[in-house]
Amino acid sequence: MKFQRKFGNRRKSNPKRGLFLIALLILVLFLWYQAENILASIFD
């Protein structure tokens, strides 16, 4: 019973967590690439 319940919860939360991690990764990459432009505009 415990194993089945744990597996069920894991299966439910997995897609949302995956999407959140993907979105976070995209945001970090976007900010990383934009950082050069932002720094360049500040120092120019």
Protein backbone atom coordinates (compact mmCIF):
# COMPACT_ATOMS: atom_id res chain seq x y z
CA MET A 1 0.00 0.00 0.00
CA LYS A 2 2.72 2.46 0.94
CA PHE A 3 4.71 1.78 -2.22
CA GLN A 4 1.65 2.16 -4.46
CA ARG A 5 0.66 5.41 -2.77
CA LYS A 6 4.19 6.83 -3.03
CA PHE A 7 4.41 5.81 -6.68
CA GLY A 8 1.02 7.44 -7.41
CA ASN A 9 2.07 10.73 -5.83
CA ARG A 10 5.38 10.68 -7.67
CA ARG A 11 3.65 10.07 -10.99
CA LYS A 12 1.24 12.97 -10.41
CA SER A 13 3.88 15.56 -9.45
CA ASN A 14 6.47 14.47 -12.00
CA PRO A 15 5.15 16.27 -15.14
CA LYS A 16 4.63 19.58 -13.31
CA ARG A 17 8.08 19.39 -11.73
CA GLY A 18 9.62 18.59 -15.12
CA LEU A 19 7.92 21.56 -16.77
CA PHE A 20 9.03 23.82 -13.90
CA LEU A 21 12.64 22.67 -14.24
CA ILE A 22 12.56 23.18 -18.02
CA ALA A 23 11.10 26.67 -17.61
CA LEU A 24 13.72 27.50 -14.97
CA LEU A 25 16.50 26.23 -17.25
CA ILE A 26 15.22 28.33 -20.18
CA LEU A 27 14.99 31.40 -17.90
CA VAL A 28 18.56 30.89 -16.62
CA LEU A 29 19.91 30.42 -20.16
CA PHE A 30 18.00 33.51 -21.36
CA LEU A 31 19.35 35.63 -18.50
CA TRP A 32 22.88 34.23 -19.06
CA TYR A 33 22.85 35.25 -22.73
CA GLN A 34 21.18 38.61 -22.00
CA ALA A 35 23.71 39.38 -19.25
CA GLU A 36 26.38 40.17 -21.86
CA ASN A 37 24.08 42.68 -23.58
CA ILE A 38 23.02 44.20 -20.25
CA LEU A 39 26.62 44.57 -19.04
CA ALA A 40 27.68 45.99 -22.41
CA SER A 41 24.90 48.59 -22.31
CA ILE A 42 25.86 49.58 -18.73
CA PHE A 43 29.58 49.98 -19.45
CA ASP A 44 29.19 51.67 -22.86
